[in-house]
Protein backbone atom coordinates (compact mmCIF):
# COMPACT_ATOMS: atom_id res chain seq x y z
CA MET A 1 -25.49 8.84 39.71
CA THR A 2 -25.68 8.80 43.52
CA ALA A 3 -22.63 9.88 45.50
CA ALA A 4 -21.50 6.27 45.78
CA ALA A 5 -22.20 5.46 42.16
CA PRO A 6 -19.13 7.10 40.59
CA ALA A 7 -16.81 5.26 42.97
CA ALA A 8 -18.51 1.94 42.24
CA ALA A 9 -18.39 2.57 38.49
CA LEU A 10 -14.71 3.50 38.69
CA ASP A 11 -14.01 0.28 40.63
CA GLN A 12 -15.86 -1.57 37.85
CA ALA A 13 -13.63 0.09 35.25
CA ARG A 14 -10.49 -0.81 37.21
CA SER A 15 -11.66 -4.43 37.56
CA ALA A 16 -12.23 -4.60 33.80
CA LEU A 17 -8.67 -3.32 33.21
CA VAL A 18 -7.27 -6.02 35.49
CA ALA A 19 -9.35 -8.61 33.60
CA GLN A 20 -8.02 -7.13 30.31
CA ASP A 21 -11.58 -6.45 29.14
CA TRP A 22 -10.53 -3.19 27.54
CA ALA A 23 -13.87 -2.37 25.91
CA ALA A 24 -15.77 -2.78 29.20
CA ALA A 25 -13.15 -0.71 31.04
CA HIS A 26 -13.43 2.03 28.43
CA ALA A 27 -17.23 2.07 28.59
CA ALA A 28 -17.27 2.23 32.39
CA ALA A 29 -14.59 4.92 32.62
CA THR A 30 -16.27 6.97 29.90
CA ALA A 31 -19.52 6.91 31.88
CA VAL A 32 -17.76 8.03 35.07
CA VAL A 33 -15.98 10.91 33.31
CA ALA A 34 -19.13 12.01 31.48
CA ALA A 35 -21.14 12.12 34.71
CA SER A 36 -18.86 14.69 36.34
CA ASP A 37 -18.27 18.34 35.54
CA GLU A 38 -14.78 17.96 37.02
CA PRO A 39 -13.75 14.28 36.83
CA SER A 40 -10.99 13.05 39.11
CA GLY A 41 -7.49 12.39 37.93
CA ASP A 42 -7.96 8.71 38.77
CA ALA A 43 -11.05 8.40 36.56
CA LEU A 44 -9.32 10.14 33.66
CA ASP A 45 -6.22 7.99 34.12
CA VAL A 46 -8.29 4.79 33.89
CA LEU A 47 -10.01 6.15 30.79
CA ALA A 48 -6.62 6.93 29.23
CA GLU A 49 -5.36 3.40 29.90
CA ALA A 50 -8.46 1.78 28.42
CA ALA A 51 -8.39 4.08 25.38
CA TRP A 52 -4.81 3.05 24.61
CA TRP A 53 -5.70 -0.64 24.72
CA ILE A 54 -8.54 -0.23 22.22
CA GLY A 55 -6.31 1.69 19.81
CA ARG A 56 -7.43 5.27 20.50
CA LEU A 57 -4.13 7.03 21.08
CA ASP A 58 -5.46 10.57 20.62
CA GLU A 59 -8.20 9.94 23.19
CA CYS A 60 -5.63 8.38 25.51
CA ILE A 61 -3.42 11.49 25.31
CA ASP A 62 -6.36 13.84 25.83
CA ALA A 63 -7.60 11.94 28.89
CA ARG A 64 -4.13 11.68 30.39
CA GLU A 65 -3.39 15.37 29.93
CA ARG A 66 -6.68 16.14 31.70
CA ALA A 67 -5.70 13.67 34.43
CA TYR A 68 -2.36 15.45 34.84
CA ALA A 69 -4.15 18.81 35.24
CA ALA A 70 -6.49 17.30 37.83
CA TYR A 71 -3.58 15.84 39.84
CA GLU A 72 -1.72 19.15 39.64
CA ARG A 73 -4.76 21.03 40.97
CA ALA A 74 -5.07 18.52 43.80
CA GLY A 75 -1.40 18.84 44.72
CA ALA A 76 -0.85 15.09 44.12
CA ASP A 77 2.82 15.33 43.18
CA ARG A 78 3.55 11.63 42.68
CA SER A 79 0.40 11.06 40.62
CA ALA A 80 1.12 14.15 38.51
CA GLY A 81 4.69 12.97 37.95
CA GLY A 82 3.57 9.45 37.03
CA CYS A 83 1.02 10.89 34.62
CA ALA A 84 3.71 13.04 33.01
CA VAL A 85 5.88 9.92 32.60
CA GLN A 86 3.02 8.14 30.83
CA LEU A 87 2.48 11.17 28.60
CA TYR A 88 6.11 10.92 27.50
CA PHE A 89 5.41 7.35 26.39
CA ALA A 90 2.14 8.27 24.64
CA TRP A 91 3.62 11.21 22.72
CA ALA A 92 6.65 9.09 21.75
CA LEU A 93 4.25 6.50 20.33
CA ASN A 94 2.54 9.32 18.46
CA GLY A 95 5.82 10.20 16.74
CA LYS A 96 6.25 13.60 18.48
CA PRO A 97 9.60 13.34 20.30
CA ALA A 98 9.85 17.05 21.18
CA ILE A 99 6.50 17.02 23.00
CA ALA A 100 7.40 13.69 24.61
CA THR A 101 10.68 15.06 25.95
CA GLY A 102 8.87 18.10 27.36
CA TRP A 103 6.63 15.82 29.41
CA LEU A 104 9.67 13.88 30.62
CA ARG A 105 11.29 17.08 31.90
CA ARG A 106 8.05 17.97 33.68
CA ALA A 107 7.96 14.50 35.26
CA ARG A 108 11.50 15.03 36.56
CA ARG A 109 10.36 18.25 38.27
CA TRP A 110 7.53 16.46 40.08
CA LEU A 111 9.44 13.32 41.08
CA ASP A 112 12.91 14.66 41.92
CA GLY A 113 12.14 14.65 45.65
CA ASP A 114 10.25 11.33 45.62
CA MET A 115 12.77 8.77 44.40
CA GLU A 116 11.62 5.59 46.15
CA CYS A 117 8.59 4.89 43.97
CA VAL A 118 7.80 2.99 40.79
CA GLU A 119 6.91 6.24 39.03
CA TYR A 120 10.45 7.51 39.53
CA GLY A 121 11.81 4.21 38.25
CA PHE A 122 9.93 4.59 34.99
CA LEU A 123 11.13 8.18 34.72
CA LEU A 124 14.70 6.83 34.89
CA LEU A 125 13.90 4.23 32.22
CA TYR A 126 12.49 6.73 29.77
CA GLU A 127 15.42 9.08 30.39
CA ALA A 128 17.65 6.10 29.60
CA GLU A 129 15.65 5.57 26.39
CA VAL A 130 16.25 9.19 25.33
CA ALA A 131 19.97 8.95 26.13
CA HIS A 132 20.22 5.68 24.22
CA GLY A 133 18.52 7.18 21.18
CA GLY A 134 21.02 10.04 21.27
CA GLY A 135 23.99 7.68 21.35
CA GLU A 136 24.81 8.38 25.03
CA LEU A 137 25.29 4.72 25.89
CA ALA A 138 27.17 5.26 29.17
CA ARG A 139 24.45 7.58 30.52
CA ALA A 140 21.73 5.22 29.30
CA SER A 141 23.42 2.31 31.06
CA ASP A 142 23.73 4.28 34.33
CA LEU A 143 20.07 5.32 34.29
CA ALA A 144 18.83 1.82 33.46
CA GLY A 145 21.04 0.40 36.21
CA MET A 146 19.51 2.82 38.74
CA ALA A 147 16.03 1.79 37.64
CA LEU A 148 16.96 -1.89 37.96
CA ASP A 149 18.23 -1.39 41.51
CA LEU A 150 15.07 0.52 42.41
CA GLY A 151 12.82 -2.14 40.88
CA ARG A 152 14.50 -4.82 42.98
CA ARG A 153 14.29 -2.75 46.18
CA LEU A 154 10.60 -2.09 45.58
CA ARG A 155 9.98 -5.69 44.46
CA SER A 156 8.28 -4.40 41.30
CA PRO A 157 8.36 -7.06 38.52
CA ASP A 158 7.27 -4.48 35.93
CA LEU A 159 10.07 -2.06 36.76
CA GLU A 160 12.72 -4.78 37.11
CA ALA A 161 11.80 -6.52 33.83
CA GLN A 162 11.67 -3.31 31.82
CA ALA A 163 14.98 -2.16 33.33
CA LEU A 164 16.54 -5.49 32.33
CA GLN A 165 15.37 -5.07 28.74
CA ALA A 166 16.61 -1.46 28.67
CA MET A 167 20.03 -2.61 29.92
CA ALA A 168 19.98 -5.40 27.33
CA ARG A 169 19.49 -3.04 24.40
CA VAL A 170 22.31 -0.78 25.62
CA LEU A 171 24.63 -3.78 26.05
CA ILE A 172 23.87 -4.99 22.52
CA ASP A 173 24.60 -1.58 21.02
CA ARG A 174 27.74 -1.36 23.16
CA GLY A 175 29.04 -4.50 21.48
CA GLU A 176 28.15 -7.02 24.19
CA PRO A 177 25.40 -9.08 22.51
CA ALA A 178 25.75 -12.22 24.65
CA ASP A 179 25.34 -10.25 27.89
CA GLY A 180 22.50 -8.27 26.34
CA LEU A 181 20.57 -11.37 25.31
CA ALA A 182 21.15 -12.85 28.78
CA HIS A 183 19.49 -9.76 30.31
CA LEU A 184 16.54 -10.22 27.92
CA ASP A 185 16.25 -13.88 28.86
CA GLU A 186 16.06 -12.87 32.52
CA ALA A 187 13.41 -10.26 31.76
CA MET A 188 11.42 -12.87 29.84
CA LEU A 189 11.19 -15.06 32.94
CA PHE A 190 8.83 -12.50 34.50
CA ALA A 191 6.66 -12.57 31.37
CA ARG A 192 6.59 -16.37 31.22
CA GLU A 193 5.61 -16.48 34.90
CA GLY A 194 2.67 -14.15 34.26
CA ARG A 195 3.99 -11.53 36.69
CA LEU A 196 3.98 -8.55 34.33
CA SER A 197 1.30 -6.07 33.35
CA PRO A 198 0.19 -6.49 29.71
CA LEU A 199 2.01 -3.35 28.59
CA VAL A 200 5.37 -4.30 30.11
CA ALA A 201 5.01 -7.92 28.95
CA GLY A 202 4.44 -6.67 25.42
CA ARG A 203 7.41 -4.32 25.54
CA VAL A 204 9.75 -7.06 26.81
CA TYR A 205 8.51 -9.53 24.18
CA CYS A 206 8.90 -7.02 21.36
CA SER A 207 12.29 -5.85 22.59
CA LEU A 208 13.59 -9.42 22.45
CA VAL A 209 12.28 -10.03 18.94
CA THR A 210 13.64 -6.69 17.74
CA ALA A 211 17.05 -7.54 19.19
CA CYS A 212 17.02 -10.83 17.26
CA HIS A 213 16.26 -8.93 14.05
CA GLU A 214 18.97 -6.34 14.71
CA LEU A 215 21.50 -9.10 15.35
CA GLY A 216 20.45 -10.91 12.19
CA ASP A 217 19.61 -14.10 14.07
CA ILE A 218 16.76 -15.29 11.86
CA ARG A 219 16.23 -18.64 13.55
CA ARG A 220 16.00 -17.13 17.04
CA ALA A 221 13.75 -14.35 15.72
CA ARG A 222 11.44 -16.92 14.15
CA ASP A 223 11.11 -18.86 17.41
CA TRP A 224 10.38 -15.77 19.47
CA THR A 225 8.04 -14.25 16.87
CA ASP A 226 5.88 -17.36 17.11
CA ALA A 227 5.83 -17.05 20.91
CA VAL A 228 5.11 -13.32 20.81
CA SER A 229 2.36 -13.69 18.22
CA SER A 230 0.39 -16.12 20.36
CA TRP A 231 0.62 -13.67 23.27
CA ALA A 232 -0.28 -10.66 21.12
CA ASP A 233 -3.34 -12.37 19.64
CA ALA A 234 -4.85 -12.29 23.15
CA HIS A 235 -4.84 -8.46 22.88
CA PRO A 236 -6.50 -8.00 19.48
CA ARG A 237 -7.31 -4.29 19.77
CA SER A 238 -3.95 -3.12 21.13
CA ALA A 239 -0.72 -2.16 19.40
CA PHE A 240 0.89 -5.54 19.92
CA PRO A 241 -0.75 -7.62 17.17
CA GLY A 242 0.30 -4.94 14.70
CA MET A 243 3.87 -4.90 15.99
CA CYS A 244 4.02 -8.69 15.75
CA ARG A 245 2.69 -8.53 12.20
CA LEU A 246 5.64 -6.31 11.33
CA HIS A 247 8.05 -8.84 12.84
CA ARG A 248 6.36 -11.61 10.85
CA ALA A 249 6.59 -9.49 7.70
CA GLU A 250 10.34 -9.05 8.22
CA LEU A 251 10.84 -12.79 8.57
CA LEU A 252 8.65 -13.57 5.54
CA GLN A 253 10.54 -10.99 3.49
CA TRP A 254 13.87 -12.64 4.32
CA ARG A 255 12.46 -16.02 3.28
CA GLY A 256 11.19 -14.64 -0.04
CA GLU A 257 7.49 -14.99 0.79
CA TRP A 258 6.87 -11.48 -0.43
CA ALA A 259 3.12 -11.51 -1.04
CA ALA A 260 2.46 -12.67 2.52
CA ALA A 261 5.12 -10.30 3.88
CA GLU A 262 3.62 -7.30 2.11
CA ALA A 263 0.11 -8.18 3.29
CA GLU A 264 1.31 -8.40 6.91
CA ALA A 265 3.31 -5.16 6.64
CA ARG A 266 0.44 -3.22 5.05
CA ARG A 267 -1.97 -4.42 7.71
CA ALA A 268 0.51 -3.52 10.44
CA GLY A 269 0.87 -0.03 8.96
CA ASP A 270 -2.90 0.45 8.92
CA ASP A 271 -3.46 -1.01 12.39
CA LEU A 272 -0.73 1.06 14.02
CA ALA A 273 -1.28 4.41 12.31
CA GLY A 274 -3.17 5.79 15.30
CA VAL A 275 -1.51 3.72 18.03
CA HIS A 276 2.24 3.36 17.49
CA VAL A 277 3.46 5.74 14.81
CA PRO A 278 7.15 4.67 14.72
CA THR A 279 6.20 1.03 14.09
CA ALA A 280 3.61 2.08 11.51
CA ALA A 281 6.42 3.94 9.73
CA ALA A 282 8.65 0.85 9.91
CA ALA A 283 5.85 -1.16 8.29
CA HIS A 284 5.83 1.22 5.32
CA VAL A 285 9.62 0.87 5.06
CA GLU A 286 9.13 -2.89 4.84
CA VAL A 287 6.58 -2.46 2.04
CA GLY A 288 9.05 -0.20 0.22
CA GLU A 289 11.80 -2.81 0.50
CA ILE A 290 9.53 -5.49 -0.95
CA ARG A 291 8.38 -3.24 -3.79
CA ARG A 292 12.01 -2.33 -4.60
CA ARG A 293 13.02 -5.97 -4.77
CA LEU A 294 10.06 -6.72 -7.02
CA GLY A 295 11.22 -4.00 -9.41
CA ASP A 296 8.19 -1.77 -8.68
CA LEU A 297 10.22 1.40 -8.24
CA ASP A 298 7.17 3.69 -8.15
CA GLY A 299 5.58 1.54 -5.47
CA ALA A 300 8.79 1.62 -3.45
CA GLU A 301 8.98 5.38 -3.81
CA ALA A 302 5.42 5.80 -2.51
CA ALA A 303 5.99 3.49 0.47
CA PHE A 304 9.25 5.17 1.47
CA ALA A 305 7.61 8.60 1.16
CA ARG A 306 4.80 7.51 3.49
CA ALA A 307 7.37 6.20 5.97
CA GLU A 308 9.17 9.54 5.93
CA GLU A 309 5.89 11.36 6.55
CA LEU A 310 5.70 9.32 9.77
CA ASN A 311 9.29 10.28 10.71
CA ALA A 312 11.06 7.09 9.61
CA SER A 313 14.30 7.19 7.64
CA PRO A 314 14.49 4.37 5.06
CA ALA A 315 18.05 5.35 4.18
CA ALA A 316 19.51 2.09 2.82
CA GLY A 317 16.37 1.21 0.88
CA ARG A 318 15.96 4.68 -0.59
CA ALA A 319 19.66 4.82 -1.52
CA LEU A 320 19.40 1.48 -3.36
CA LEU A 321 16.20 2.71 -5.00
CA ARG A 322 18.09 5.74 -6.34
CA LEU A 323 20.82 3.39 -7.57
CA ALA A 324 18.23 1.29 -9.41
CA GLN A 325 16.91 4.51 -10.97
CA GLY A 326 20.41 5.35 -12.23
CA ARG A 327 20.65 8.37 -9.88
CA LEU A 328 24.07 7.64 -8.46
CA GLU A 329 24.76 11.05 -6.93
CA ALA A 330 21.45 10.98 -5.06
CA ALA A 331 22.12 7.43 -3.85
CA ASP A 332 25.57 8.48 -2.65
CA ALA A 333 24.24 11.50 -0.77
CA ILE A 334 21.56 9.47 1.02
CA ILE A 335 23.88 6.72 2.22
CA ALA A 336 26.63 9.17 3.20
CA GLY A 337 24.18 11.18 5.30
CA ALA A 338 22.82 8.06 6.99
CA LEU A 339 26.29 6.79 7.87
CA ALA A 340 27.33 10.19 9.22
CA ALA A 341 24.31 10.15 11.55
CA ALA A 342 24.80 6.53 12.69
CA THR A 343 26.50 6.42 16.07
CA VAL A 344 26.30 2.70 16.89
CA ALA A 345 28.32 0.00 15.12
CA LEU A 346 25.35 -2.36 14.75
CA GLY A 347 23.20 0.36 13.23
CA ARG A 348 25.97 1.27 10.78
CA ALA A 349 26.38 -2.36 9.80
CA TRP A 350 22.92 -2.51 8.21
CA LEU A 351 23.83 0.50 6.04
CA LEU A 352 27.22 -0.80 4.91
CA PRO A 353 26.09 -3.31 2.22
CA ALA A 354 24.41 -0.42 0.39
CA GLU A 355 27.51 1.74 0.91
CA VAL A 356 29.68 -0.96 -0.71
CA GLN A 357 27.33 -1.37 -3.65
CA ILE A 358 27.09 2.39 -4.29
CA ALA A 359 30.84 2.96 -3.89
CA VAL A 360 31.55 0.16 -6.40
CA ALA A 361 29.05 1.68 -8.83
CA LEU A 362 30.89 5.00 -8.49
CA GLY A 363 34.25 3.28 -9.04
CA ASP A 364 35.51 4.28 -5.59
CA LEU A 365 37.03 0.93 -4.62
CA ASP A 366 39.04 2.27 -1.69
CA ARG A 367 35.85 3.47 -0.04
CA ALA A 368 34.06 0.24 -0.90
CA GLU A 369 36.88 -1.81 0.65
CA ARG A 370 36.84 0.26 3.87
CA ALA A 371 33.09 -0.27 4.19
CA ALA A 372 33.43 -4.00 3.53
CA ARG A 373 36.13 -4.31 6.21
CA GLU A 374 34.02 -2.43 8.75
CA LEU A 375 31.04 -4.65 7.97
CA ALA A 376 33.13 -7.81 8.40
CA ALA A 377 34.52 -6.58 11.74
CA THR A 378 31.06 -5.76 13.12
CA ALA A 379 29.54 -9.01 11.83
CA THR A 380 32.34 -11.03 13.45
CA HIS A 381 32.09 -9.17 16.74
CA TYR A 382 28.32 -9.68 16.99
CA GLU A 383 28.45 -13.19 15.50
CA SER A 384 25.47 -12.21 13.34
CA PRO A 385 24.67 -14.87 10.69
CA ILE A 386 22.98 -12.38 8.36
CA LEU A 387 25.71 -9.76 8.66
CA LEU A 388 28.44 -12.38 8.19
CA ALA A 389 26.83 -13.45 4.90
CA ALA A 390 26.40 -9.79 3.87
CA ALA A 391 30.05 -9.12 4.70
CA GLU A 392 31.21 -12.03 2.53
CA THR A 393 29.06 -10.77 -0.35
CA ALA A 394 30.50 -7.27 0.10
CA ARG A 395 34.06 -8.63 0.08
CA GLY A 396 33.30 -10.56 -3.09
CA ARG A 397 31.72 -7.53 -4.73
CA VAL A 398 34.81 -5.43 -4.06
CA GLY A 399 37.09 -8.24 -5.22
CA LEU A 400 35.10 -8.62 -8.44
CA ALA A 401 35.34 -4.89 -9.15
CA ALA A 402 39.09 -4.96 -8.47
CA GLY A 403 39.69 -8.00 -10.69
CA ASP A 404 40.77 -10.12 -7.73
CA ALA A 405 41.18 -13.79 -8.71
CA GLU A 406 39.87 -14.84 -5.28
CA ALA A 407 36.47 -13.22 -5.90
CA VAL A 408 35.06 -16.47 -7.31
CA ALA A 409 35.84 -18.43 -4.15
CA THR A 410 34.62 -15.61 -1.90
CA LEU A 411 31.31 -15.31 -3.73
CA ARG A 412 30.78 -19.08 -3.77
CA GLY A 413 31.16 -19.01 0.00
CA ALA A 414 28.68 -16.14 0.28
CA VAL A 415 26.12 -17.96 -1.88
CA GLN A 416 26.40 -20.97 0.42
CA GLN A 417 25.93 -18.83 3.52
CA TRP A 418 22.76 -17.26 2.13
CA ALA A 419 21.46 -20.68 1.08
CA ASP A 420 22.11 -22.09 4.56
CA LEU A 421 20.13 -19.19 6.05
CA ASP A 422 17.30 -19.79 3.55
CA VAL A 423 17.45 -16.20 2.27
CA PRO A 424 16.74 -16.60 -1.46
CA TYR A 425 16.88 -13.02 -2.78
CA GLU A 426 20.35 -12.34 -1.39
CA ALA A 427 21.47 -15.78 -2.56
CA ALA A 428 20.30 -14.94 -6.08
CA THR A 429 21.85 -11.47 -6.24
CA THR A 430 25.12 -12.95 -4.99
CA ARG A 431 24.88 -15.60 -7.71
CA VAL A 432 24.73 -12.78 -10.26
CA LEU A 433 28.02 -11.45 -8.91
CA LEU A 434 29.46 -14.98 -8.94
CA ALA A 435 28.49 -15.33 -12.61
CA GLN A 436 30.37 -12.13 -13.42
CA ALA A 437 33.40 -13.38 -11.48
CA CYS A 438 33.31 -16.73 -13.28
CA ARG A 439 33.09 -14.98 -16.64
CA GLY A 440 36.07 -12.79 -15.71
CA ALA A 441 38.01 -15.93 -14.81
CA GLY A 442 37.21 -17.52 -18.18
CA ASP A 443 34.68 -19.99 -16.75
CA GLU A 444 31.78 -19.37 -19.13
CA GLU A 445 30.05 -22.60 -18.19
CA GLY A 446 30.14 -21.65 -14.51
CA ALA A 447 28.83 -18.17 -15.35
CA LYS A 448 25.87 -19.59 -17.30
CA ALA A 449 25.04 -22.05 -14.52
CA SER A 450 25.12 -19.33 -11.86
CA LEU A 451 22.99 -16.97 -13.93
CA ALA A 452 20.47 -19.72 -14.64
CA ALA A 453 20.20 -20.50 -10.93
CA ALA A 454 19.76 -16.81 -10.11
CA ALA A 455 17.13 -16.39 -12.83
CA ALA A 456 15.14 -19.35 -11.48
CA ILE A 457 15.09 -17.78 -7.99
CA PHE A 458 14.14 -14.35 -9.32
CA ASP A 459 11.32 -15.86 -11.37
CA ARG A 460 10.01 -17.70 -8.32
CA LEU A 461 10.13 -14.51 -6.28
CA GLY A 462 8.63 -12.37 -9.04
CA ALA A 463 11.63 -10.03 -8.86
CA VAL A 464 12.84 -7.83 -11.69
CA VAL A 465 16.63 -7.75 -11.28
CA ASP A 466 19.43 -6.71 -13.59
CA LEU A 467 21.23 -10.02 -14.05
CA ALA A 468 24.03 -8.37 -15.94
CA THR A 469 25.04 -5.79 -13.36
CA ASP A 470 22.96 -6.31 -10.21
CA GLY A 471 21.27 -2.95 -10.16
CA GLY A 472 23.13 -0.48 -12.38
CA ASP A 473 26.08 -0.37 -14.69
CA GLY A 474 28.05 1.97 -12.46
CA LYS A 475 28.32 4.67 -15.09
CA GLY A 476 25.13 6.51 -14.36
CA GLY A 477 24.82 7.36 -18.07
CA SER A 478 21.81 5.28 -19.16
CA PRO A 479 18.91 7.46 -20.36
CA ALA A 480 15.58 7.58 -18.51
CA GLY A 481 17.09 5.72 -15.55
CA LEU A 482 17.31 2.42 -17.45
CA THR A 483 19.33 -0.24 -15.68
CA GLY A 484 22.13 -2.05 -17.45
CA ARG A 485 19.90 -5.09 -18.03
CA GLU A 486 17.09 -2.94 -19.42
CA VAL A 487 19.56 -1.37 -21.87
CA GLU A 488 20.62 -4.86 -22.94
CA VAL A 489 16.99 -5.93 -23.47
CA LEU A 490 16.26 -2.73 -25.39
CA ARG A 491 19.23 -3.32 -27.72
CA LEU A 492 17.94 -6.82 -28.49
CA VAL A 493 14.46 -5.41 -29.14
CA ALA A 494 15.98 -2.84 -31.49
CA ALA A 495 17.78 -5.68 -33.29
CA GLY A 496 14.39 -7.25 -34.05
CA ASN A 497 14.44 -10.10 -31.53
CA THR A 498 11.25 -11.59 -30.11
CA ASN A 499 10.71 -12.01 -26.37
CA LYS A 500 11.49 -15.71 -26.71
CA GLN A 501 14.76 -14.99 -28.52
CA ILE A 502 15.74 -12.38 -25.91
CA ALA A 503 14.97 -14.82 -23.09
CA ALA A 504 17.18 -17.47 -24.69
CA ALA A 505 20.02 -14.98 -25.24
CA LEU A 506 19.96 -13.73 -21.64
CA TYR A 507 19.18 -17.03 -19.90
CA VAL A 508 15.96 -15.72 -18.37
CA SER A 509 12.28 -16.58 -18.72
CA ASP A 510 9.82 -15.01 -21.16
CA LYS A 511 8.01 -13.59 -18.13
CA THR A 512 11.17 -11.80 -16.97
CA VAL A 513 11.67 -10.29 -20.44
CA ALA A 514 8.05 -9.07 -20.42
CA ARG A 515 8.61 -7.36 -17.05
CA HIS A 516 11.78 -5.70 -18.33
CA LEU A 517 9.90 -4.44 -21.39
CA SER A 518 7.12 -3.06 -19.23
CA ASN A 519 9.69 -1.12 -17.20
CA ILE A 520 11.46 0.09 -20.36
CA PHE A 521 8.20 1.33 -21.90
CA ALA A 522 7.28 3.16 -18.68
CA LYS A 523 10.68 4.81 -18.24
CA ALA A 524 11.08 5.74 -21.90
CA GLY A 525 7.48 6.96 -22.19
CA VAL A 526 6.66 4.70 -25.16
CA SER A 527 4.00 2.07 -25.77
CA THR A 528 5.23 0.00 -28.73
CA ARG A 529 8.35 -1.95 -29.70
CA ALA A 530 8.79 0.35 -32.69
CA ALA A 531 8.80 3.44 -30.45
CA ALA A 532 11.20 1.73 -28.07
CA THR A 533 13.52 0.97 -31.01
CA ALA A 534 13.40 4.61 -32.06
CA PHE A 535 14.23 5.63 -28.47
CA ALA A 536 17.24 3.29 -28.54
CA PHE A 537 18.59 4.86 -31.75
CA GLU A 538 17.86 8.43 -30.60
CA HIS A 539 19.86 7.90 -27.41
CA GLY A 540 22.77 6.11 -29.04
CA LEU A 541 22.12 2.78 -27.32
CA VAL A 542 22.35 0.69 -30.48
CA GLY A 543 25.87 -0.17 -31.50
CA ARG A 544 27.43 1.14 -28.30
């Protein structure tokens, strides 16, 4: 290259970034960097940006760390500080919070005396993010507010919009969802007007959709997911299509479209493994939840383990998995630890349905009632449709366990709420509880009708669910981790019944009986009905 050639090539790379032609930007920046024994910080910074957009996070980090070193050598304090801020973001995406925080502290050192710049504004925002993650909501709010004021003084749409979304998330976790969503709506105006950089637009979009999911507002989440997806599809090699696939998977899972949900979640996990590690981990959690609901406990175990390798914590799902395996003490320890670590009411709320179910299984009704009351209070405060339905189910579950005559009415109301939300799995599991409540009230006809309706939903979903006890008999004494329903099926097998006879006796389909038998054979380590019968006699299941 001639002396002027590197500058022209770097301008070409910058122009390609502006045009969002990430591949061309990467190729041009790579050529500039390769042509120099000591490339400039600017060239390396452009290369880092382009590498991120084509899904090469490791290359992005390497180039940006080299850019930081070049700026430091040149004494370019603001550029070095801005680069350190970006390295916080990159290492956070890579699932390495300790390294990320180290870069944030270094950025503070460079920018402390240069506070009227966009780079300092983003330093404030990421410090707010760290404070928020640590439960320091007041500090997070102060930092985000400072960034918002700075963004408005500097007339920076990127800084103002991202500060608005940061404030919004703090407000939501502080128990002010309406004000939080209003801040997000304001931030979205910048995105809709086309005034944001692609990265900030994507973060604002995803923050809004995530808030809808956290608040349990399925209808709003569906509307925004559609809008976000069309935007993300314009950036096919970035993190955003994968993040939107995860949001779609969550919506599909709620609606019972599990095959499509799992496909989207698995693809999101693969796409994001090298780009956005926390979201890749969340995708594996989603796969684990689907597998657990399907009755594939080994598949759920594998997915949750992969999520934990990526630093996720699928606490509620793993606790319910342990409950389904008959490991009550393990389930109790997991959910207790998760609740002890949860510092925000909304975050706790998503753990409380599992806490109620596990406490009921352990016979600790006082604890179950406290959890149900907390869930109801949070759901009411946030006006969350999903959490309100979950709270009503939890109240009915506790009432059923306590022999409360009002449990039937409570559970009927919960079934209707789930049906109105078009959430079939939760509607079906609540119908199982309603059947038990009807039976306890002497309404055998109502119990049979509710069980039949639940069985029809489970069959449509392909779920293997214990219709007798909804995931465990609460005694923890069944051998080989058999659920209460599996014990019931095994007893009927031992009595010489055919699959058809068992299906008729339990008001389920032949297909459901076959799935139960497959699980029984796997857990008991047998391969024939005769061996299963022997297992039942050896473990005292027959005649109990």
